[in-house]
Structures are given as C-alpha cells and as structure tokens.
Amino acid sequence: MKISRLVLLAMVIGSINFGLYARQMYTTGEVGYSIALVALSLFFIGLTIFGVVRNIKLSQSE
C-alpha cells in the first residue's frame, strides 16, 4: 500500500515548521529545545524520503 502524497507533503511542511521553530528557540537562547526540534525535523525528513522511495518501488513493481 502506497503512502499518500498528502501525508508526505504534510510531513515536509511539519519538518520545515520544526526547523523554523528550532531556529527561533536557538535565537532566544533555549539550545536544548532547538536541538530536540532539529532532531525531530531530521527524523521527519528521513521518513519522508523513505516514503517517497517506498512509493517509487511499489509503483515499479505494479
């Protein structure tokens, strides 16, 4: 079963928001929160890349 494009788009938008919020936290001096948000952002980007690759492989096998 393929992962919906809408879900993948939502994950990209979420990871961008996490990154922007991490930058805001870093500028206010809250480094711990910014590190956690950067980690979440990278995790979401990784999941999105995995989802796109998985969808491509599923499309090729059909």
C-alpha atoms as a PDB file:
ATOM      1  CA  MET A   1       0.000   0.000   0.000  1.00  0.00           C
ATOM      2  CA  LYS A   2       1.361   3.370  -1.017  1.00  0.00           C
ATOM      3  CA  ILE A   3       1.757   6.301   1.340  1.00  0.00           C
ATOM      4  CA  SER A   4      -0.492   9.171   0.310  1.00  0.00           C
ATOM      5  CA  ARG A   5       1.132  12.198  -1.285  1.00  0.00           C
ATOM      6  CA  LEU A   6      -0.848  14.390   1.062  1.00  0.00           C
ATOM      7  CA  VAL A   7       0.703  12.653   4.073  1.00  0.00           C
ATOM      8  CA  LEU A   8       4.187  13.081   2.601  1.00  0.00           C
ATOM      9  CA  LEU A   9       3.505  16.752   1.937  1.00  0.00           C
ATOM     10  CA  ALA A  10       2.268  17.224   5.497  1.00  0.00           C
ATOM     11  CA  MET A  11       5.469  15.635   6.800  1.00  0.00           C
ATOM     12  CA  VAL A  12       7.595  18.013   4.713  1.00  0.00           C
ATOM     13  CA  ILE A  13       5.645  21.017   5.948  1.00  0.00           C
ATOM     14  CA  GLY A  14       5.915  19.744   9.519  1.00  0.00           C
ATOM     15  CA  SER A  15       9.665  19.298   9.256  1.00  0.00           C
ATOM     16  CA  ILE A  16      10.047  22.823   7.866  1.00  0.00           C
ATOM     17  CA  ASN A  17       7.997  24.152  10.771  1.00  0.00           C
ATOM     18  CA  PHE A  18      10.140  22.218  13.245  1.00  0.00           C
ATOM     19  CA  GLY A  19      13.267  23.711  11.667  1.00  0.00           C
ATOM     20  CA  LEU A  20      11.938  27.252  11.802  1.00  0.00           C
ATOM     21  CA  TYR A  21      10.798  26.846  15.384  1.00  0.00           C
ATOM     22  CA  ALA A  22      14.207  25.388  16.286  1.00  0.00           C
ATOM     23  CA  ARG A  23      15.877  28.487  14.853  1.00  0.00           C
ATOM     24  CA  GLN A  24      13.587  30.698  16.888  1.00  0.00           C
ATOM     25  CA  MET A  25      14.358  28.737  20.052  1.00  0.00           C
ATOM     26  CA  TYR A  26      18.093  28.947  19.352  1.00  0.00           C
ATOM     27  CA  THR A  27      17.996  32.720  18.953  1.00  0.00           C
ATOM     28  CA  THR A  28      16.195  33.073  22.289  1.00  0.00           C
ATOM     29  CA  GLY A  29      18.890  31.003  23.963  1.00  0.00           C
ATOM     30  CA  GLU A  30      16.992  27.762  24.504  1.00  0.00           C
ATOM     31  CA  VAL A  31      19.526  25.411  22.962  1.00  0.00           C
ATOM     32  CA  GLY A  32      18.045  22.196  24.379  1.00  0.00           C
ATOM     33  CA  TYR A  33      14.693  22.768  22.712  1.00  0.00           C
ATOM     34  CA  SER A  34      16.352  23.709  19.442  1.00  0.00           C
ATOM     35  CA  ILE A  35      18.429  20.510  19.402  1.00  0.00           C
ATOM     36  CA  ALA A  36      15.315  18.420  20.040  1.00  0.00           C
ATOM     37  CA  LEU A  37      13.406  20.200  17.285  1.00  0.00           C
ATOM     38  CA  VAL A  38      16.275  19.809  14.812  1.00  0.00           C
ATOM     39  CA  ALA A  39      16.357  16.086  15.618  1.00  0.00           C
ATOM     40  CA  LEU A  40      12.606  15.836  15.007  1.00  0.00           C
ATOM     41  CA  SER A  41      12.959  17.782  11.777  1.00  0.00           C
ATOM     42  CA  LEU A  42      15.682  15.445  10.503  1.00  0.00           C
ATOM     43  CA  PHE A  43      13.609  12.429  11.554  1.00  0.00           C
ATOM     44  CA  PHE A  44      10.595  13.682   9.603  1.00  0.00           C
ATOM     45  CA  ILE A  45      12.737  14.435   6.554  1.00  0.00           C
ATOM     46  CA  GLY A  46      14.139  10.911   6.747  1.00  0.00           C
ATOM     47  CA  LEU A  47      10.666   9.418   6.991  1.00  0.00           C
ATOM     48  CA  THR A  48       9.535  11.474   4.007  1.00  0.00           C
ATOM     49  CA  ILE A  49      12.480  10.314   1.898  1.00  0.00           C
ATOM     50  CA  PHE A  50      11.767   6.721   2.942  1.00  0.00           C
ATOM     51  CA  GLY A  51       8.114   7.155   1.954  1.00  0.00           C
ATOM     52  CA  VAL A  52       8.954   8.573  -1.458  1.00  0.00           C
ATOM     53  CA  VAL A  53      11.448   5.784  -2.187  1.00  0.00           C
ATOM     54  CA  ARG A  54       8.930   3.195  -0.998  1.00  0.00           C
ATOM     55  CA  ASN A  55       6.218   4.641  -3.249  1.00  0.00           C
ATOM     56  CA  ILE A  56       8.571   4.585  -6.228  1.00  0.00           C
ATOM     57  CA  LYS A  57       9.476   0.943  -5.601  1.00  0.00           C
ATOM     58  CA  LEU A  58       5.829  -0.002  -5.240  1.00  0.00           C
ATOM     59  CA  SER A  59       4.974   1.804  -8.491  1.00  0.00           C
ATOM     60  CA  GLN A  60       7.691  -0.044 -10.367  1.00  0.00           C
ATOM     61  CA  SER A  61       6.565  -3.444  -9.104  1.00  0.00           C
ATOM     62  CA  GLU A  62       2.947  -2.943 -10.266  1.00  0.00           C
END
